[in-house]
N, C-alpha and C. Protein backbone atom coordinates (compact mmCIF):
# COMPACT_ATOMS: atom_id res chain seq x y z
N MET A 1 125.08 2.97 102.14
CA MET A 1 125.14 3.06 100.69
C MET A 1 124.52 4.38 100.26
N GLY A 2 125.27 5.23 99.61
CA GLY A 2 124.77 6.51 99.13
C GLY A 2 124.19 6.39 97.74
N ILE A 3 123.76 7.52 97.20
CA ILE A 3 123.22 7.53 95.84
C ILE A 3 124.36 7.43 94.87
N LYS A 4 124.23 6.51 93.93
CA LYS A 4 125.24 6.39 92.90
C LYS A 4 124.96 7.42 91.82
N GLY A 5 125.99 7.77 91.05
CA GLY A 5 125.84 8.77 90.01
C GLY A 5 124.80 8.38 88.97
N LEU A 6 124.10 9.38 88.46
CA LEU A 6 123.08 9.14 87.45
C LEU A 6 123.54 9.73 86.12
N SER A 7 123.22 9.04 85.03
CA SER A 7 123.55 9.54 83.70
C SER A 7 122.58 10.65 83.33
N ASN A 8 122.85 11.33 82.21
CA ASN A 8 121.97 12.41 81.77
C ASN A 8 120.56 11.90 81.48
N GLN A 9 120.46 10.74 80.86
CA GLN A 9 119.15 10.17 80.54
C GLN A 9 118.39 9.82 81.82
N GLU A 10 119.10 9.28 82.82
CA GLU A 10 118.48 8.94 84.10
C GLU A 10 118.02 10.19 84.84
N ILE A 11 118.81 11.25 84.78
CA ILE A 11 118.45 12.52 85.41
C ILE A 11 117.22 13.11 84.73
N LYS A 12 117.17 12.99 83.41
CA LYS A 12 116.02 13.49 82.65
C LYS A 12 114.74 12.77 83.09
N LEU A 13 114.80 11.46 83.22
CA LEU A 13 113.64 10.68 83.66
C LEU A 13 113.27 11.03 85.11
N ALA A 14 114.29 11.09 85.98
CA ALA A 14 114.05 11.38 87.40
C ALA A 14 113.43 12.76 87.58
N SER A 15 113.94 13.75 86.88
CA SER A 15 113.40 15.11 87.03
C SER A 15 111.98 15.20 86.50
N GLU A 16 111.68 14.50 85.41
CA GLU A 16 110.32 14.49 84.86
C GLU A 16 109.34 13.87 85.86
N LEU A 17 109.72 12.75 86.46
CA LEU A 17 108.84 12.08 87.43
C LEU A 17 108.70 12.89 88.71
N GLU A 18 109.80 13.49 89.18
CA GLU A 18 109.75 14.31 90.40
C GLU A 18 108.88 15.55 90.18
N PHE A 19 109.06 16.19 89.02
CA PHE A 19 108.32 17.42 88.74
C PHE A 19 106.81 17.16 88.71
N LYS A 20 106.42 16.05 88.11
CA LYS A 20 104.99 15.72 88.02
C LYS A 20 104.48 15.05 89.30
N GLY A 21 105.39 14.62 90.18
CA GLY A 21 104.99 13.91 91.40
C GLY A 21 104.40 12.55 91.08
N ASN A 22 104.83 11.99 89.97
CA ASN A 22 104.29 10.73 89.46
C ASN A 22 105.28 9.60 89.81
N TYR A 23 105.18 9.09 91.02
CA TYR A 23 106.15 8.09 91.47
C TYR A 23 105.83 6.70 90.95
N TYR A 24 104.57 6.42 90.69
CA TYR A 24 104.19 5.16 90.03
C TYR A 24 104.07 5.46 88.55
N PHE A 25 104.77 4.69 87.72
CA PHE A 25 104.73 4.97 86.29
C PHE A 25 104.81 3.67 85.50
N THR A 26 104.38 3.77 84.24
CA THR A 26 104.43 2.64 83.32
C THR A 26 105.44 2.93 82.22
N ARG A 27 105.83 1.90 81.52
CA ARG A 27 106.74 2.07 80.39
C ARG A 27 106.10 2.95 79.32
N LYS A 28 104.81 2.75 79.11
CA LYS A 28 104.09 3.53 78.11
C LYS A 28 104.05 5.00 78.49
N GLY A 29 103.97 5.29 79.77
CA GLY A 29 103.89 6.66 80.25
C GLY A 29 105.18 7.45 80.10
N ILE A 30 106.31 6.77 80.03
CA ILE A 30 107.59 7.48 79.91
C ILE A 30 108.23 7.31 78.53
N ALA A 31 107.55 6.63 77.62
CA ALA A 31 108.12 6.34 76.30
C ALA A 31 108.52 7.61 75.54
N MET A 32 107.79 8.72 75.75
CA MET A 32 108.08 9.95 75.01
C MET A 32 109.42 10.58 75.40
N LEU A 33 110.01 10.14 76.50
CA LEU A 33 111.29 10.68 76.95
C LEU A 33 112.49 10.01 76.27
N PHE A 34 112.24 8.94 75.53
CA PHE A 34 113.32 8.16 74.95
C PHE A 34 113.20 8.09 73.43
N GLU A 35 114.35 7.88 72.78
CA GLU A 35 114.37 7.77 71.32
C GLU A 35 113.80 6.43 70.85
N ASN A 36 114.08 5.37 71.61
CA ASN A 36 113.59 4.05 71.21
C ASN A 36 113.42 3.16 72.45
N GLY A 37 112.89 1.98 72.22
CA GLY A 37 112.61 1.06 73.32
C GLY A 37 113.86 0.54 74.00
N ARG A 38 114.92 0.34 73.24
CA ARG A 38 116.17 -0.16 73.82
C ARG A 38 116.77 0.84 74.80
N GLN A 39 116.73 2.11 74.44
CA GLN A 39 117.26 3.14 75.33
C GLN A 39 116.46 3.18 76.63
N MET A 40 115.13 3.04 76.53
CA MET A 40 114.29 3.03 77.72
C MET A 40 114.60 1.81 78.58
N THR A 41 114.72 0.64 77.96
CA THR A 41 115.02 -0.58 78.70
C THR A 41 116.36 -0.47 79.42
N ASN A 42 117.37 0.05 78.74
CA ASN A 42 118.69 0.20 79.36
C ASN A 42 118.66 1.19 80.52
N THR A 43 117.93 2.30 80.37
CA THR A 43 117.82 3.29 81.44
C THR A 43 117.11 2.70 82.65
N LEU A 44 116.00 2.00 82.40
CA LEU A 44 115.26 1.38 83.51
C LEU A 44 116.11 0.31 84.20
N TYR A 45 116.86 -0.45 83.42
CA TYR A 45 117.73 -1.48 83.99
C TYR A 45 118.79 -0.85 84.89
N SER A 46 119.42 0.21 84.42
CA SER A 46 120.48 0.83 85.23
C SER A 46 119.90 1.51 86.48
N LEU A 47 118.72 2.12 86.36
CA LEU A 47 118.09 2.72 87.55
C LEU A 47 117.70 1.65 88.56
N LYS A 48 117.25 0.51 88.07
CA LYS A 48 116.91 -0.58 88.98
C LYS A 48 118.16 -1.12 89.67
N LYS A 49 119.23 -1.24 88.92
CA LYS A 49 120.50 -1.72 89.48
C LYS A 49 121.05 -0.75 90.53
N LYS A 50 120.83 0.54 90.32
CA LYS A 50 121.30 1.56 91.26
C LYS A 50 120.34 1.74 92.44
N GLY A 51 119.21 1.07 92.42
CA GLY A 51 118.27 1.14 93.52
C GLY A 51 117.36 2.36 93.49
N ARG A 52 117.17 2.97 92.34
CA ARG A 52 116.33 4.17 92.23
C ARG A 52 114.91 3.85 91.79
N ILE A 53 114.66 2.65 91.25
CA ILE A 53 113.30 2.24 90.92
C ILE A 53 113.07 0.81 91.39
N ILE A 54 111.80 0.49 91.61
CA ILE A 54 111.39 -0.86 92.00
C ILE A 54 110.38 -1.32 90.97
N LYS A 55 110.59 -2.51 90.42
CA LYS A 55 109.65 -3.05 89.44
C LYS A 55 108.50 -3.71 90.20
N LEU A 56 107.26 -3.24 89.95
CA LEU A 56 106.10 -3.75 90.65
C LEU A 56 105.41 -4.89 89.90
N ASN A 57 105.27 -4.74 88.60
CA ASN A 57 104.73 -5.81 87.76
C ASN A 57 105.35 -5.69 86.37
N ARG A 58 104.81 -6.36 85.39
CA ARG A 58 105.45 -6.38 84.06
C ARG A 58 105.69 -5.01 83.47
N SER A 59 104.76 -4.10 83.68
CA SER A 59 104.90 -2.80 83.02
C SER A 59 104.92 -1.62 83.99
N LYS A 60 104.74 -1.85 85.28
CA LYS A 60 104.64 -0.76 86.24
C LYS A 60 105.85 -0.72 87.18
N TYR A 61 106.31 0.51 87.47
CA TYR A 61 107.48 0.72 88.31
C TYR A 61 107.16 1.76 89.37
N TYR A 62 107.97 1.77 90.44
CA TYR A 62 107.89 2.79 91.46
C TYR A 62 109.23 3.52 91.49
N PHE A 63 109.18 4.85 91.36
CA PHE A 63 110.39 5.67 91.38
C PHE A 63 110.66 6.12 92.81
N ILE A 64 111.85 5.85 93.30
CA ILE A 64 112.24 6.28 94.65
C ILE A 64 112.71 7.73 94.53
N PRO A 65 112.04 8.64 95.24
CA PRO A 65 112.32 10.08 95.08
C PRO A 65 113.78 10.44 95.37
N ILE A 66 114.23 11.50 94.75
CA ILE A 66 115.60 11.99 94.95
C ILE A 66 115.79 12.41 96.40
N LYS A 67 114.71 12.89 97.05
CA LYS A 67 114.83 13.33 98.45
C LYS A 67 115.15 12.17 99.40
N ALA A 68 115.04 10.94 98.92
CA ALA A 68 115.46 9.78 99.72
C ALA A 68 116.97 9.65 99.53
N ARG A 69 117.71 10.31 100.35
CA ARG A 69 119.17 10.41 100.17
C ARG A 69 119.88 9.07 100.10
N THR A 70 119.49 8.15 100.98
CA THR A 70 120.19 6.87 101.01
C THR A 70 119.61 5.86 100.02
N GLY A 71 118.57 6.25 99.30
CA GLY A 71 117.97 5.34 98.34
C GLY A 71 116.91 4.45 98.97
N LYS A 72 116.62 4.65 100.24
CA LYS A 72 115.58 3.86 100.92
C LYS A 72 114.34 4.72 101.04
N TRP A 73 113.20 4.17 100.65
CA TRP A 73 111.96 4.91 100.70
C TRP A 73 110.82 3.93 100.84
N VAL A 74 109.85 4.26 101.67
CA VAL A 74 108.72 3.37 101.88
C VAL A 74 107.44 4.14 101.61
N ASP A 75 106.66 3.64 100.69
CA ASP A 75 105.34 4.21 100.43
C ASP A 75 104.32 3.35 101.16
N GLU A 76 103.11 3.80 101.27
CA GLU A 76 102.05 3.02 101.91
C GLU A 76 101.83 1.74 101.11
N ILE A 77 101.90 0.60 101.78
CA ILE A 77 101.83 -0.70 101.11
C ILE A 77 100.48 -0.91 100.43
N ALA A 78 99.40 -0.36 100.99
CA ALA A 78 98.08 -0.52 100.39
C ALA A 78 98.01 0.18 99.03
N VAL A 79 98.66 1.32 98.92
CA VAL A 79 98.70 2.05 97.65
C VAL A 79 99.53 1.26 96.63
N ALA A 80 100.64 0.70 97.08
CA ALA A 80 101.48 -0.10 96.18
C ALA A 80 100.74 -1.33 95.66
N VAL A 81 99.99 -2.00 96.53
CA VAL A 81 99.21 -3.17 96.12
C VAL A 81 98.16 -2.76 95.09
N ASP A 82 97.51 -1.62 95.31
CA ASP A 82 96.53 -1.13 94.36
C ASP A 82 97.17 -0.88 92.99
N GLU A 83 98.36 -0.32 92.99
CA GLU A 83 99.07 -0.06 91.73
C GLU A 83 99.47 -1.36 91.04
N ILE A 84 99.93 -2.34 91.81
CA ILE A 84 100.34 -3.62 91.22
C ILE A 84 99.17 -4.30 90.52
N LEU A 85 98.01 -4.26 91.16
CA LEU A 85 96.84 -4.96 90.63
C LEU A 85 95.94 -4.04 89.81
N ASN A 86 96.44 -2.88 89.44
CA ASN A 86 95.74 -1.92 88.58
C ASN A 86 94.36 -1.52 89.11
N GLY A 87 94.18 -1.58 90.42
CA GLY A 87 92.97 -1.08 91.06
C GLY A 87 91.71 -1.90 90.88
N THR A 88 91.83 -3.16 90.45
CA THR A 88 90.63 -3.97 90.24
C THR A 88 90.81 -5.40 90.76
N ASN A 89 89.69 -6.03 91.09
CA ASN A 89 89.61 -7.44 91.46
C ASN A 89 90.55 -7.86 92.60
N TYR A 90 90.52 -7.13 93.69
CA TYR A 90 91.32 -7.49 94.86
C TYR A 90 90.74 -6.83 96.10
N PHE A 91 91.15 -7.30 97.25
CA PHE A 91 90.98 -6.57 98.50
C PHE A 91 92.06 -7.03 99.46
N ILE A 92 92.38 -6.16 100.43
CA ILE A 92 93.39 -6.46 101.42
C ILE A 92 92.66 -6.95 102.67
N GLY A 93 93.08 -8.08 103.19
CA GLY A 93 92.44 -8.66 104.36
C GLY A 93 93.45 -8.98 105.44
N GLY A 94 93.08 -9.89 106.32
CA GLY A 94 93.98 -10.35 107.38
C GLY A 94 94.27 -9.29 108.42
N TRP A 95 95.48 -9.35 108.98
CA TRP A 95 95.86 -8.43 110.04
C TRP A 95 95.90 -6.98 109.58
N PHE A 96 96.21 -6.78 108.30
CA PHE A 96 96.24 -5.41 107.79
C PHE A 96 94.85 -4.77 107.87
N ALA A 97 93.82 -5.53 107.48
CA ALA A 97 92.44 -5.03 107.55
C ALA A 97 92.04 -4.79 109.01
N ALA A 98 92.43 -5.71 109.90
CA ALA A 98 92.11 -5.54 111.32
C ALA A 98 92.78 -4.27 111.86
N LYS A 99 94.00 -4.03 111.50
CA LYS A 99 94.71 -2.82 111.94
C LYS A 99 94.06 -1.57 111.33
N HIS A 100 93.67 -1.67 110.06
CA HIS A 100 93.03 -0.53 109.39
C HIS A 100 91.74 -0.11 110.09
N TRP A 101 90.95 -1.09 110.53
CA TRP A 101 89.69 -0.80 111.22
C TRP A 101 89.88 -0.62 112.74
N ARG A 102 91.12 -0.61 113.19
CA ARG A 102 91.48 -0.42 114.60
C ARG A 102 90.88 -1.51 115.50
N LEU A 103 90.88 -2.73 114.99
CA LEU A 103 90.42 -3.87 115.77
C LEU A 103 91.56 -4.48 116.57
N THR A 104 92.77 -4.10 116.23
CA THR A 104 93.96 -4.58 116.93
C THR A 104 95.01 -3.48 116.94
N ASP A 105 95.89 -3.55 117.91
CA ASP A 105 97.02 -2.61 117.95
C ASP A 105 98.26 -3.23 117.33
N GLN A 106 98.14 -4.49 117.01
CA GLN A 106 99.27 -5.23 116.45
C GLN A 106 99.61 -4.71 115.06
N ILE A 107 100.87 -4.43 114.82
CA ILE A 107 101.32 -3.99 113.50
C ILE A 107 101.55 -5.23 112.65
N PRO A 108 100.89 -5.31 111.50
CA PRO A 108 101.01 -6.52 110.68
C PRO A 108 102.42 -6.69 110.10
N MET A 109 102.90 -7.92 110.17
CA MET A 109 104.22 -8.25 109.61
C MET A 109 104.12 -8.55 108.13
N GLN A 110 102.92 -8.88 107.67
CA GLN A 110 102.71 -9.20 106.27
C GLN A 110 101.33 -8.71 105.86
N VAL A 111 101.12 -8.59 104.58
CA VAL A 111 99.86 -8.11 104.04
C VAL A 111 99.27 -9.23 103.19
N GLU A 112 98.02 -9.59 103.50
CA GLU A 112 97.34 -10.62 102.72
C GLU A 112 96.42 -9.94 101.72
N VAL A 113 96.64 -10.25 100.44
CA VAL A 113 95.85 -9.66 99.37
C VAL A 113 95.06 -10.78 98.71
N TYR A 114 93.75 -10.62 98.68
CA TYR A 114 92.87 -11.61 98.05
C TYR A 114 92.50 -11.09 96.67
N THR A 115 92.80 -11.89 95.66
CA THR A 115 92.59 -11.45 94.29
C THR A 115 92.12 -12.61 93.41
N THR A 116 91.51 -12.28 92.30
CA THR A 116 91.06 -13.32 91.36
C THR A 116 92.15 -13.66 90.36
N ARG A 117 93.25 -12.93 90.36
CA ARG A 117 94.24 -13.07 89.29
C ARG A 117 95.50 -13.84 89.63
N ARG A 118 96.08 -13.63 90.76
CA ARG A 118 97.39 -14.23 91.01
C ARG A 118 97.49 -14.77 92.42
N GLN A 119 98.52 -15.55 92.64
CA GLN A 119 98.78 -16.04 93.98
C GLN A 119 100.28 -16.17 94.16
N GLY A 120 100.71 -16.25 95.40
CA GLY A 120 102.13 -16.37 95.69
C GLY A 120 102.58 -15.33 96.69
N LYS A 121 103.88 -15.30 96.94
CA LYS A 121 104.46 -14.38 97.92
C LYS A 121 105.49 -13.50 97.22
N THR A 122 105.58 -12.27 97.70
CA THR A 122 106.59 -11.35 97.19
C THR A 122 106.94 -10.35 98.29
N LYS A 123 107.99 -9.60 98.10
CA LYS A 123 108.42 -8.61 99.07
C LYS A 123 108.44 -7.25 98.39
N ILE A 124 107.69 -6.29 98.95
CA ILE A 124 107.62 -4.95 98.40
C ILE A 124 107.88 -3.97 99.53
N PHE A 125 108.82 -3.05 99.34
CA PHE A 125 109.19 -2.07 100.37
C PHE A 125 109.48 -2.75 101.70
N ASN A 126 110.19 -3.85 101.69
CA ASN A 126 110.54 -4.62 102.87
C ASN A 126 109.33 -5.17 103.63
N THR A 127 108.21 -5.30 102.97
CA THR A 127 107.01 -5.89 103.55
C THR A 127 106.63 -7.12 102.75
N ARG A 128 106.37 -8.20 103.45
CA ARG A 128 105.98 -9.43 102.78
C ARG A 128 104.51 -9.33 102.35
N VAL A 129 104.24 -9.58 101.09
CA VAL A 129 102.88 -9.53 100.55
C VAL A 129 102.52 -10.92 100.07
N ILE A 130 101.40 -11.44 100.58
CA ILE A 130 100.94 -12.78 100.19
C ILE A 130 99.68 -12.60 99.36
N PHE A 131 99.74 -13.05 98.11
CA PHE A 131 98.58 -13.00 97.23
C PHE A 131 97.84 -14.33 97.35
N ARG A 132 96.56 -14.26 97.68
CA ARG A 132 95.73 -15.46 97.80
C ARG A 132 94.60 -15.36 96.79
N ARG A 133 94.28 -16.48 96.18
CA ARG A 133 93.22 -16.49 95.18
C ARG A 133 91.86 -16.55 95.87
N THR A 134 90.90 -15.82 95.33
CA THR A 134 89.54 -15.80 95.86
C THR A 134 88.56 -15.75 94.71
N SER A 135 87.28 -15.89 95.01
CA SER A 135 86.25 -15.88 93.97
C SER A 135 85.73 -14.46 93.75
N GLN A 136 85.06 -14.28 92.64
CA GLN A 136 84.47 -12.99 92.33
C GLN A 136 83.40 -12.63 93.37
N LYS A 137 82.72 -13.65 93.89
CA LYS A 137 81.68 -13.44 94.91
C LYS A 137 82.27 -12.83 96.18
N ASN A 138 83.44 -13.29 96.59
CA ASN A 138 84.07 -12.78 97.82
C ASN A 138 84.57 -11.34 97.67
N LEU A 139 84.76 -10.89 96.44
CA LEU A 139 85.22 -9.51 96.24
C LEU A 139 84.18 -8.50 96.71
N SER A 140 82.93 -8.94 96.84
CA SER A 140 81.88 -8.03 97.31
C SER A 140 82.04 -7.69 98.79
N LYS A 141 82.91 -8.38 99.50
CA LYS A 141 83.17 -8.10 100.91
C LYS A 141 84.09 -6.90 101.11
N ALA A 142 84.57 -6.34 100.03
CA ALA A 142 85.54 -5.24 100.11
C ALA A 142 84.85 -3.89 100.06
N VAL A 143 85.47 -2.91 100.69
CA VAL A 143 85.01 -1.52 100.62
C VAL A 143 86.18 -0.66 100.15
N ARG A 144 85.86 0.43 99.50
CA ARG A 144 86.88 1.34 98.98
C ARG A 144 87.25 2.33 100.08
N GLN A 145 88.54 2.50 100.31
CA GLN A 145 89.05 3.45 101.29
C GLN A 145 90.05 4.37 100.60
N MET A 146 90.29 5.53 101.21
CA MET A 146 91.22 6.50 100.64
C MET A 146 92.44 6.65 101.55
N HIS A 147 93.58 6.86 100.91
CA HIS A 147 94.81 7.19 101.64
C HIS A 147 95.60 8.17 100.78
N ASN A 148 95.78 9.38 101.26
CA ASN A 148 96.51 10.42 100.53
C ASN A 148 96.04 10.55 99.08
N ALA A 149 94.74 10.70 98.90
CA ALA A 149 94.12 10.88 97.59
C ALA A 149 94.29 9.67 96.67
N HIS A 150 94.59 8.53 97.23
CA HIS A 150 94.70 7.30 96.45
C HIS A 150 93.79 6.26 97.10
N GLN A 151 92.98 5.61 96.30
CA GLN A 151 92.04 4.65 96.86
C GLN A 151 92.57 3.23 96.79
N PHE A 152 92.09 2.41 97.70
CA PHE A 152 92.42 0.98 97.71
C PHE A 152 91.23 0.23 98.31
N PHE A 153 91.21 -1.08 98.13
CA PHE A 153 90.11 -1.90 98.63
C PHE A 153 90.58 -2.70 99.84
N VAL A 154 89.75 -2.71 100.89
CA VAL A 154 90.07 -3.43 102.11
C VAL A 154 88.82 -4.19 102.54
N LEU A 155 89.01 -5.29 103.25
CA LEU A 155 87.91 -6.09 103.77
C LEU A 155 87.02 -5.20 104.64
N ASN A 156 85.69 -5.33 104.49
CA ASN A 156 84.81 -4.44 105.28
C ASN A 156 84.92 -4.75 106.77
N LYS A 157 84.47 -3.81 107.58
CA LYS A 157 84.67 -3.90 109.03
C LYS A 157 83.97 -5.11 109.63
N LYS A 158 82.75 -5.40 109.18
CA LYS A 158 81.99 -6.52 109.71
C LYS A 158 82.71 -7.85 109.45
N GLU A 159 83.21 -8.03 108.23
CA GLU A 159 83.95 -9.24 107.88
C GLU A 159 85.29 -9.31 108.63
N ALA A 160 85.92 -8.16 108.83
CA ALA A 160 87.19 -8.13 109.58
C ALA A 160 86.94 -8.53 111.04
N GLN A 161 85.81 -8.11 111.61
CA GLN A 161 85.47 -8.51 112.97
C GLN A 161 85.24 -10.02 113.05
N LYS A 162 84.57 -10.58 112.03
CA LYS A 162 84.38 -12.04 111.98
C LYS A 162 85.73 -12.74 111.91
N TRP A 163 86.62 -12.21 111.09
CA TRP A 163 87.95 -12.79 110.93
C TRP A 163 88.71 -12.75 112.24
N MET A 164 88.58 -11.65 112.97
CA MET A 164 89.26 -11.53 114.28
C MET A 164 88.71 -12.52 115.28
N LYS A 165 87.40 -12.76 115.27
CA LYS A 165 86.80 -13.73 116.22
C LYS A 165 87.34 -15.13 115.99
N LEU A 166 87.66 -15.46 114.73
CA LEU A 166 88.23 -16.77 114.43
C LEU A 166 89.65 -16.91 114.99
N ARG A 167 90.30 -15.81 115.28
CA ARG A 167 91.67 -15.82 115.78
C ARG A 167 91.73 -15.94 117.31
N GLU A 168 90.60 -15.82 118.00
CA GLU A 168 90.60 -15.84 119.47
C GLU A 168 90.65 -17.25 119.99
């Protein structure tokens, strides 16, 4: 599947996002590019239908860069989770945390996200993400890590080692 044709309004949005390197964006952040809300909604709908954007939550989207010729693009899942949850009240645990701390060589098939806000399963960038509810007290087990100038929260190494021992 190749890139489908883009309208002038879609090209305007795509070039603005590419120029700024702002691949994660909100509706509020791009409102100045449109005459009204309906035009913005229609443009976002058509870009989503063409596979050029991915809706992350109610107001946040991920723009797939033009350099992704076939329309397939994968960003770091930890960064995407941070964007979905607006950078607060969560941490990434499970096999992803074990892999992050190099406690295992196993590549995680899914990402477990512990948060105070939501629960359930979803698929982002072809990766299964499981949201599990946790308490505010358990959030203190997280540490802030950086990836390509973007921070995210992951289970600390000591807790990840405890988690791994339970798996033996």
